[in-house]
Amino acid sequence: MTNNDILRRIRYTFDFKDKEVVEIFALADVTVTLEQVAAWMKRDEDEAFVQMNSIELSSFLNGLINLKRGKRDGDQPQPDAHLSNNMVFQKLRIALNLKAEDILEILELANFRLSKHELSAFFRKPDNKHYRQCKDQILRNFLMGVQLKLRPEDQTEYQD
């Protein structure tokens, strides 16, 4: 999944307007314009499409955490220059205040089954022997499950 895909899915799931996306960036002490947001939302084949980099997506996710959980005291976390699916998953877990059981239920909504042990491997440090890389399919199913949970009227049943 590209950074733009992730932003599009989150924006749709939470029904954020472009102005709200700009405000979420501001919560992470980052300034973006409505034009930048519009360019990120364009289809890949559109001439006005702009590829979103990891620092920009990380900043957005940090802002989402601040929106959903409140700003933490002290210095704000610095955006990550390299953002893996595991890090995106972790930031979404924090923003939504989800426990392992909640995530497994969300994945079930997207007809995706995962054990608690498999899930915990995604949130370990990369140098841990039990660390497992989160593949696009898992992140995509998680985002779809969140969408189905928050916007059930928009989906009848998810088919992967």
N, C-alpha and C. Protein backbone atom coordinates (compact mmCIF):
# COMPACT_ATOMS: atom_id res chain seq x y z
N MET A 1 0.84 -1.18 0.00
CA MET A 1 0.00 0.00 0.00
C MET A 1 0.89 1.24 0.00
N THR A 2 0.48 2.22 -0.75
CA THR A 2 1.24 3.47 -0.75
C THR A 2 0.78 4.36 0.40
N ASN A 3 1.58 5.34 0.73
CA ASN A 3 1.20 6.29 1.77
C ASN A 3 -0.09 7.01 1.40
N ASN A 4 -0.26 7.32 0.11
CA ASN A 4 -1.47 7.98 -0.34
C ASN A 4 -2.70 7.08 -0.13
N ASP A 5 -2.56 5.77 -0.41
CA ASP A 5 -3.66 4.83 -0.19
C ASP A 5 -4.08 4.83 1.27
N ILE A 6 -3.10 4.79 2.15
CA ILE A 6 -3.39 4.76 3.58
C ILE A 6 -4.12 6.03 4.00
N LEU A 7 -3.63 7.18 3.55
CA LEU A 7 -4.29 8.45 3.89
C LEU A 7 -5.71 8.49 3.34
N ARG A 8 -5.91 8.06 2.11
CA ARG A 8 -7.25 8.05 1.51
C ARG A 8 -8.21 7.18 2.33
N ARG A 9 -7.74 6.00 2.71
CA ARG A 9 -8.61 5.08 3.46
C ARG A 9 -8.96 5.64 4.84
N ILE A 10 -7.97 6.23 5.51
CA ILE A 10 -8.24 6.81 6.83
C ILE A 10 -9.20 7.98 6.69
N ARG A 11 -8.96 8.82 5.70
CA ARG A 11 -9.82 9.98 5.47
C ARG A 11 -11.27 9.53 5.23
N TYR A 12 -11.45 8.52 4.40
CA TYR A 12 -12.80 8.02 4.11
C TYR A 12 -13.42 7.39 5.36
N THR A 13 -12.66 6.57 6.06
CA THR A 13 -13.17 5.87 7.23
C THR A 13 -13.71 6.83 8.28
N PHE A 14 -12.97 7.91 8.53
CA PHE A 14 -13.37 8.86 9.55
C PHE A 14 -14.16 10.03 8.98
N ASP A 15 -14.41 10.00 7.68
CA ASP A 15 -15.16 11.04 6.98
C ASP A 15 -14.55 12.42 7.20
N PHE A 16 -13.22 12.49 7.11
CA PHE A 16 -12.52 13.77 7.24
C PHE A 16 -12.62 14.54 5.94
N LYS A 17 -12.89 15.82 6.05
CA LYS A 17 -12.83 16.72 4.90
C LYS A 17 -11.40 17.21 4.77
N ASP A 18 -11.06 17.78 3.62
CA ASP A 18 -9.69 18.27 3.40
C ASP A 18 -9.26 19.23 4.51
N LYS A 19 -10.16 20.11 4.91
CA LYS A 19 -9.83 21.09 5.96
C LYS A 19 -9.49 20.39 7.28
N GLU A 20 -10.22 19.32 7.58
CA GLU A 20 -9.94 18.56 8.81
C GLU A 20 -8.59 17.86 8.73
N VAL A 21 -8.21 17.39 7.54
CA VAL A 21 -6.91 16.76 7.36
C VAL A 21 -5.81 17.79 7.64
N VAL A 22 -5.98 19.00 7.14
CA VAL A 22 -5.02 20.09 7.40
C VAL A 22 -4.92 20.34 8.91
N GLU A 23 -6.07 20.33 9.60
CA GLU A 23 -6.08 20.55 11.05
C GLU A 23 -5.39 19.42 11.81
N ILE A 24 -5.52 18.20 11.31
CA ILE A 24 -4.86 17.05 11.95
C ILE A 24 -3.34 17.19 11.82
N PHE A 25 -2.88 17.62 10.66
CA PHE A 25 -1.44 17.88 10.51
C PHE A 25 -1.00 18.96 11.51
N ALA A 26 -1.82 19.98 11.68
CA ALA A 26 -1.48 21.07 12.60
C ALA A 26 -1.34 20.57 14.03
N LEU A 27 -2.11 19.55 14.40
CA LEU A 27 -2.00 18.96 15.74
C LEU A 27 -0.63 18.32 15.96
N ALA A 28 0.06 17.99 14.87
CA ALA A 28 1.41 17.43 14.96
C ALA A 28 2.45 18.50 14.67
N ASP A 29 2.01 19.76 14.75
CA ASP A 29 2.89 20.91 14.51
C ASP A 29 3.49 20.92 13.11
N VAL A 30 2.69 20.50 12.12
CA VAL A 30 3.11 20.50 10.72
C VAL A 30 2.08 21.30 9.92
N THR A 31 2.57 22.15 9.06
CA THR A 31 1.70 22.97 8.23
C THR A 31 1.63 22.39 6.82
N VAL A 32 0.41 22.10 6.38
CA VAL A 32 0.17 21.69 5.00
C VAL A 32 -0.97 22.53 4.47
N THR A 33 -1.08 22.60 3.15
CA THR A 33 -2.13 23.40 2.53
C THR A 33 -3.26 22.50 2.02
N LEU A 34 -4.39 23.13 1.76
CA LEU A 34 -5.51 22.39 1.17
C LEU A 34 -5.11 21.85 -0.20
N GLU A 35 -4.27 22.58 -0.92
CA GLU A 35 -3.81 22.14 -2.24
C GLU A 35 -2.97 20.87 -2.13
N GLN A 36 -2.11 20.80 -1.10
CA GLN A 36 -1.31 19.59 -0.90
C GLN A 36 -2.22 18.39 -0.62
N VAL A 37 -3.19 18.59 0.27
CA VAL A 37 -4.11 17.50 0.62
C VAL A 37 -4.87 17.04 -0.63
N ALA A 38 -5.36 17.99 -1.41
CA ALA A 38 -6.10 17.64 -2.63
C ALA A 38 -5.21 16.85 -3.59
N ALA A 39 -3.94 17.24 -3.71
CA ALA A 39 -3.02 16.53 -4.61
C ALA A 39 -2.75 15.11 -4.11
N TRP A 40 -2.67 14.92 -2.80
CA TRP A 40 -2.46 13.58 -2.24
C TRP A 40 -3.66 12.68 -2.48
N MET A 41 -4.85 13.27 -2.53
CA MET A 41 -6.08 12.49 -2.68
C MET A 41 -6.37 12.09 -4.12
N LYS A 42 -5.68 12.70 -5.07
CA LYS A 42 -5.92 12.40 -6.49
C LYS A 42 -5.55 10.95 -6.80
N ARG A 43 -6.13 10.45 -7.86
CA ARG A 43 -5.77 9.11 -8.33
C ARG A 43 -4.34 9.14 -8.87
N ASP A 44 -3.68 8.00 -8.78
CA ASP A 44 -2.28 7.92 -9.19
C ASP A 44 -2.04 8.36 -10.63
N GLU A 45 -3.00 8.12 -11.49
CA GLU A 45 -2.81 8.46 -12.91
C GLU A 45 -3.14 9.92 -13.23
N ASP A 46 -3.68 10.65 -12.28
CA ASP A 46 -4.02 12.07 -12.48
C ASP A 46 -2.74 12.91 -12.56
N GLU A 47 -2.72 13.88 -13.45
CA GLU A 47 -1.55 14.75 -13.61
C GLU A 47 -1.22 15.53 -12.34
N ALA A 48 -2.24 15.88 -11.56
CA ALA A 48 -2.04 16.69 -10.35
C ALA A 48 -1.68 15.84 -9.12
N PHE A 49 -1.61 14.51 -9.29
CA PHE A 49 -1.27 13.61 -8.19
C PHE A 49 0.13 13.90 -7.67
N VAL A 50 0.26 13.91 -6.33
CA VAL A 50 1.56 14.07 -5.69
C VAL A 50 1.75 12.91 -4.72
N GLN A 51 2.90 12.23 -4.84
CA GLN A 51 3.21 11.11 -3.95
C GLN A 51 3.51 11.63 -2.55
N MET A 52 2.88 11.08 -1.57
CA MET A 52 3.09 11.46 -0.17
C MET A 52 4.28 10.69 0.37
N ASN A 53 5.20 11.38 1.06
CA ASN A 53 6.35 10.67 1.61
C ASN A 53 6.07 10.19 3.04
N SER A 54 6.98 9.40 3.57
CA SER A 54 6.79 8.79 4.89
C SER A 54 6.72 9.83 6.01
N ILE A 55 7.52 10.88 5.90
CA ILE A 55 7.50 11.92 6.93
C ILE A 55 6.12 12.58 6.99
N GLU A 56 5.52 12.82 5.82
CA GLU A 56 4.20 13.45 5.77
C GLU A 56 3.13 12.52 6.36
N LEU A 57 3.15 11.24 5.98
CA LEU A 57 2.16 10.31 6.54
C LEU A 57 2.37 10.14 8.03
N SER A 58 3.62 10.02 8.46
CA SER A 58 3.92 9.88 9.88
C SER A 58 3.41 11.09 10.66
N SER A 59 3.59 12.28 10.10
CA SER A 59 3.10 13.50 10.74
C SER A 59 1.58 13.47 10.87
N PHE A 60 0.91 13.01 9.80
CA PHE A 60 -0.55 12.90 9.84
C PHE A 60 -0.98 11.93 10.94
N LEU A 61 -0.33 10.77 11.00
CA LEU A 61 -0.69 9.76 12.00
C LEU A 61 -0.41 10.27 13.42
N ASN A 62 0.68 11.02 13.60
CA ASN A 62 0.95 11.63 14.91
C ASN A 62 -0.15 12.63 15.27
N GLY A 63 -0.60 13.39 14.28
CA GLY A 63 -1.70 14.32 14.51
C GLY A 63 -2.99 13.59 14.84
N LEU A 64 -3.22 12.45 14.18
CA LEU A 64 -4.42 11.65 14.46
C LEU A 64 -4.39 11.13 15.90
N ILE A 65 -3.21 10.72 16.35
CA ILE A 65 -3.07 10.29 17.74
C ILE A 65 -3.42 11.45 18.67
N ASN A 66 -2.91 12.63 18.36
CA ASN A 66 -3.20 13.80 19.19
C ASN A 66 -4.68 14.14 19.17
N LEU A 67 -5.33 13.98 18.02
CA LEU A 67 -6.76 14.25 17.90
C LEU A 67 -7.57 13.28 18.75
N LYS A 68 -7.26 12.00 18.63
CA LYS A 68 -8.05 10.96 19.30
C LYS A 68 -7.70 10.76 20.78
N ARG A 69 -6.44 10.99 21.14
CA ARG A 69 -5.99 10.70 22.50
C ARG A 69 -5.59 11.94 23.28
N GLY A 70 -5.39 13.06 22.58
CA GLY A 70 -4.90 14.27 23.23
C GLY A 70 -3.39 14.35 23.12
N LYS A 71 -2.89 15.59 23.09
CA LYS A 71 -1.44 15.78 23.00
C LYS A 71 -0.78 15.35 24.29
N ARG A 72 0.36 14.71 24.15
CA ARG A 72 1.10 14.33 25.34
C ARG A 72 1.95 15.51 25.79
N ASP A 73 2.30 15.52 27.06
CA ASP A 73 3.12 16.58 27.61
C ASP A 73 4.53 16.50 27.05
N GLY A 74 5.18 17.63 26.97
CA GLY A 74 6.57 17.65 26.50
C GLY A 74 6.66 17.72 24.99
N ASP A 75 7.83 17.34 24.49
CA ASP A 75 8.07 17.38 23.06
C ASP A 75 7.18 16.39 22.33
N GLN A 76 6.73 16.80 21.16
CA GLN A 76 5.92 15.92 20.33
C GLN A 76 6.84 14.94 19.60
N PRO A 77 6.35 13.74 19.32
CA PRO A 77 7.20 12.77 18.60
C PRO A 77 7.58 13.29 17.22
N GLN A 78 8.79 13.01 16.84
CA GLN A 78 9.27 13.41 15.51
C GLN A 78 8.71 12.43 14.48
N PRO A 79 8.37 12.94 13.30
CA PRO A 79 7.88 12.04 12.25
C PRO A 79 8.98 11.08 11.80
N ASP A 80 8.57 9.90 11.42
CA ASP A 80 9.51 8.87 10.99
C ASP A 80 9.87 9.06 9.51
N ALA A 81 11.17 9.01 9.20
CA ALA A 81 11.63 9.17 7.82
C ALA A 81 11.31 7.94 6.99
N HIS A 82 11.28 6.78 7.64
CA HIS A 82 10.90 5.54 6.97
C HIS A 82 9.74 4.94 7.75
N LEU A 83 8.64 4.71 7.09
CA LEU A 83 7.43 4.23 7.75
C LEU A 83 7.06 2.87 7.19
N SER A 84 7.12 1.85 8.04
CA SER A 84 6.73 0.50 7.62
C SER A 84 5.25 0.29 7.93
N ASN A 85 4.69 -0.77 7.36
CA ASN A 85 3.30 -1.12 7.68
C ASN A 85 3.14 -1.36 9.18
N ASN A 86 4.17 -1.95 9.81
CA ASN A 86 4.11 -2.21 11.25
C ASN A 86 3.95 -0.90 12.02
N MET A 87 4.69 0.13 11.60
CA MET A 87 4.63 1.42 12.29
C MET A 87 3.28 2.09 12.06
N VAL A 88 2.75 1.99 10.85
CA VAL A 88 1.42 2.55 10.57
C VAL A 88 0.38 1.85 11.45
N PHE A 89 0.44 0.52 11.48
CA PHE A 89 -0.47 -0.29 12.29
C PHE A 89 -0.38 0.13 13.76
N GLN A 90 0.84 0.28 14.25
CA GLN A 90 1.05 0.66 15.65
C GLN A 90 0.47 2.05 15.94
N LYS A 91 0.69 3.00 15.06
CA LYS A 91 0.17 4.36 15.26
C LYS A 91 -1.36 4.37 15.24
N LEU A 92 -1.96 3.58 14.35
CA LEU A 92 -3.42 3.48 14.32
C LEU A 92 -3.95 2.81 15.58
N ARG A 93 -3.25 1.80 16.05
CA ARG A 93 -3.64 1.12 17.29
C ARG A 93 -3.64 2.10 18.46
N ILE A 94 -2.61 2.93 18.52
CA ILE A 94 -2.51 3.92 19.60
C ILE A 94 -3.62 4.98 19.45
N ALA A 95 -3.79 5.50 18.24
CA ALA A 95 -4.80 6.54 18.00
C ALA A 95 -6.20 6.06 18.39
N LEU A 96 -6.50 4.82 18.06
CA LEU A 96 -7.84 4.28 18.31
C LEU A 96 -7.96 3.60 19.67
N ASN A 97 -6.84 3.59 20.43
CA ASN A 97 -6.83 3.01 21.77
C ASN A 97 -7.34 1.57 21.75
N LEU A 98 -6.75 0.77 20.89
CA LEU A 98 -7.20 -0.61 20.69
C LEU A 98 -6.33 -1.62 21.43
N LYS A 99 -6.97 -2.59 22.00
CA LYS A 99 -6.29 -3.73 22.61
C LYS A 99 -6.26 -4.85 21.57
N ALA A 100 -5.49 -5.89 21.84
CA ALA A 100 -5.36 -7.00 20.89
C ALA A 100 -6.73 -7.58 20.52
N GLU A 101 -7.59 -7.77 21.51
CA GLU A 101 -8.91 -8.34 21.25
C GLU A 101 -9.73 -7.46 20.32
N ASP A 102 -9.61 -6.13 20.49
CA ASP A 102 -10.33 -5.19 19.63
C ASP A 102 -9.85 -5.31 18.19
N ILE A 103 -8.54 -5.41 18.01
CA ILE A 103 -7.97 -5.52 16.66
C ILE A 103 -8.42 -6.82 16.01
N LEU A 104 -8.41 -7.91 16.76
CA LEU A 104 -8.85 -9.19 16.20
C LEU A 104 -10.31 -9.14 15.79
N GLU A 105 -11.15 -8.47 16.58
CA GLU A 105 -12.56 -8.30 16.21
C GLU A 105 -12.70 -7.47 14.94
N ILE A 106 -11.90 -6.42 14.83
CA ILE A 106 -11.94 -5.57 13.64
C ILE A 106 -11.52 -6.36 12.41
N LEU A 107 -10.48 -7.17 12.54
CA LEU A 107 -10.05 -8.00 11.42
C LEU A 107 -11.13 -9.01 11.03
N GLU A 108 -11.85 -9.52 12.02
CA GLU A 108 -12.95 -10.47 11.75
C GLU A 108 -14.04 -9.81 10.91
N LEU A 109 -14.28 -8.51 11.13
CA LEU A 109 -15.29 -7.79 10.33
C LEU A 109 -14.93 -7.81 8.85
N ALA A 110 -13.63 -7.85 8.56
CA ALA A 110 -13.16 -7.90 7.17
C ALA A 110 -12.91 -9.35 6.73
N ASN A 111 -13.47 -10.30 7.48
CA ASN A 111 -13.32 -11.73 7.18
C ASN A 111 -11.87 -12.16 7.13
N PHE A 112 -11.07 -11.64 8.06
CA PHE A 112 -9.66 -11.98 8.12
C PHE A 112 -9.36 -12.48 9.52
N ARG A 113 -8.81 -13.69 9.60
CA ARG A 113 -8.52 -14.29 10.90
C ARG A 113 -7.03 -14.29 11.17
N LEU A 114 -6.71 -13.98 12.41
CA LEU A 114 -5.32 -13.89 12.84
C LEU A 114 -5.30 -14.31 14.31
N SER A 115 -4.26 -14.99 14.73
CA SER A 115 -4.17 -15.36 16.14
C SER A 115 -3.59 -14.19 16.93
N LYS A 116 -3.78 -14.24 18.23
CA LYS A 116 -3.25 -13.19 19.10
C LYS A 116 -1.73 -13.17 19.04
N HIS A 117 -1.12 -14.35 18.92
CA HIS A 117 0.34 -14.44 18.84
C HIS A 117 0.86 -13.83 17.54
N GLU A 118 0.17 -14.10 16.43
CA GLU A 118 0.56 -13.51 15.15
C GLU A 118 0.45 -11.99 15.21
N LEU A 119 -0.62 -11.51 15.83
CA LEU A 119 -0.83 -10.06 15.96
C LEU A 119 0.26 -9.41 16.79
N SER A 120 0.61 -10.01 17.92
CA SER A 120 1.61 -9.41 18.81
C SER A 120 2.97 -9.30 18.13
N ALA A 121 3.25 -10.18 17.17
CA ALA A 121 4.53 -10.14 16.46
C ALA A 121 4.70 -8.86 15.64
N PHE A 122 3.59 -8.26 15.22
CA PHE A 122 3.66 -7.02 14.44
C PHE A 122 4.09 -5.82 15.29
N PHE A 123 3.85 -5.90 16.59
CA PHE A 123 4.11 -4.76 17.47
C PHE A 123 5.42 -4.90 18.25
N ARG A 124 6.20 -5.89 17.91
CA ARG A 124 7.51 -6.08 18.56
C ARG A 124 8.56 -5.22 17.86
N LYS A 125 9.68 -5.05 18.54
CA LYS A 125 10.80 -4.32 17.92
C LYS A 125 11.38 -5.17 16.80
N PRO A 126 11.85 -4.54 15.71
CA PRO A 126 12.35 -5.31 14.57
C PRO A 126 13.49 -6.27 14.89
N ASP A 127 14.27 -5.99 15.94
CA ASP A 127 15.36 -6.89 16.27
C ASP A 127 14.93 -8.06 17.16
N ASN A 128 13.67 -8.10 17.56
CA ASN A 128 13.14 -9.20 18.36
C ASN A 128 13.01 -10.43 17.47
N LYS A 129 13.34 -11.59 18.00
CA LYS A 129 13.30 -12.81 17.17
C LYS A 129 11.87 -13.19 16.76
N HIS A 130 10.86 -12.68 17.47
CA HIS A 130 9.47 -13.00 17.14
C HIS A 130 8.81 -11.91 16.29
N TYR A 131 9.57 -10.88 15.93
CA TYR A 131 9.04 -9.81 15.08
C TYR A 131 8.62 -10.38 13.74
N ARG A 132 7.52 -9.86 13.22
CA ARG A 132 7.04 -10.27 11.91
C ARG A 132 6.63 -9.02 11.14
N GLN A 133 7.01 -8.97 9.88
CA GLN A 133 6.66 -7.82 9.06
C GLN A 133 5.19 -7.87 8.68
N CYS A 134 4.52 -6.74 8.83
CA CYS A 134 3.10 -6.62 8.48
C CYS A 134 2.98 -6.43 6.97
N LYS A 135 2.34 -7.35 6.32
CA LYS A 135 2.16 -7.27 4.87
C LYS A 135 1.00 -6.33 4.53
N ASP A 136 0.99 -5.87 3.28
CA ASP A 136 -0.06 -4.95 2.82
C ASP A 136 -1.45 -5.53 3.04
N GLN A 137 -1.61 -6.84 2.81
CA GLN A 137 -2.92 -7.47 2.94
C GLN A 137 -3.47 -7.32 4.35
N ILE A 138 -2.62 -7.46 5.35
CA ILE A 138 -3.07 -7.38 6.74
C ILE A 138 -3.46 -5.94 7.07
N LEU A 139 -2.63 -4.99 6.69
CA LEU A 139 -2.95 -3.58 6.94
C LEU A 139 -4.22 -3.18 6.20
N ARG A 140 -4.36 -3.63 4.95
CA ARG A 140 -5.55 -3.32 4.15
C ARG A 140 -6.80 -3.88 4.82
N ASN A 141 -6.73 -5.12 5.32
CA ASN A 141 -7.88 -5.73 5.99
C ASN A 141 -8.19 -5.03 7.30
N PHE A 142 -7.16 -4.60 8.01
CA PHE A 142 -7.39 -3.86 9.26
C PHE A 142 -8.11 -2.54 8.95
N LEU A 143 -7.63 -1.81 7.96
CA LEU A 143 -8.27 -0.54 7.60
C LEU A 143 -9.71 -0.76 7.13
N MET A 144 -9.94 -1.84 6.39
CA MET A 144 -11.29 -2.16 5.95
C MET A 144 -12.17 -2.51 7.15
N GLY A 145 -11.63 -3.26 8.10
CA GLY A 145 -12.39 -3.60 9.31
C GLY A 145 -12.76 -2.37 10.12
N VAL A 146 -11.84 -1.43 10.25
CA VAL A 146 -12.14 -0.18 10.96
C VAL A 146 -13.24 0.56 10.22
N GLN A 147 -13.15 0.58 8.91
CA GLN A 147 -14.17 1.24 8.10
C GLN A 147 -15.54 0.57 8.31
N LEU A 148 -15.56 -0.74 8.30
CA LEU A 148 -16.82 -1.47 8.51
C LEU A 148 -17.38 -1.22 9.90
N LYS A 149 -16.51 -1.07 10.88
CA LYS A 149 -16.97 -0.81 12.25
C LYS A 149 -17.52 0.60 12.39
N LEU A 150 -16.84 1.58 11.81
CA LEU A 150 -17.24 2.97 11.98
C LEU A 150 -18.29 3.44 10.98
N ARG A 151 -18.36 2.78 9.82
CA ARG A 151 -19.31 3.17 8.78
C ARG A 151 -20.06 1.95 8.26
N PRO A 152 -20.77 1.23 9.14
CA PRO A 152 -21.42 -0.01 8.71
C PRO A 152 -22.50 0.23 7.64
N GLU A 153 -23.08 1.43 7.60
CA GLU A 153 -24.14 1.70 6.64
C GLU A 153 -23.61 1.79 5.21
N ASP A 154 -22.28 2.01 5.07
CA ASP A 154 -21.70 2.14 3.74
C ASP A 154 -21.32 0.81 3.12
N GLN A 155 -21.32 -0.26 3.90
CA GLN A 155 -20.88 -1.56 3.40
C GLN A 155 -21.91 -2.61 3.82
N THR A 156 -22.25 -3.48 2.92
CA THR A 156 -23.12 -4.59 3.33
C THR A 156 -22.27 -5.73 3.83
N GLU A 157 -21.37 -6.22 2.99
CA GLU A 157 -20.44 -7.25 3.41
C GLU A 157 -19.16 -7.10 2.62
N TYR A 158 -18.06 -7.21 3.30
CA TYR A 158 -16.77 -7.01 2.64
C TYR A 158 -16.32 -8.30 1.99
N GLN A 159 -15.91 -8.20 0.74
CA GLN A 159 -15.36 -9.34 0.01
C GLN A 159 -13.94 -8.97 -0.38
N ASP A 160 -12.95 -9.75 0.01
CA ASP A 160 -11.56 -9.45 -0.36
C ASP A 160 -11.20 -10.04 -1.69
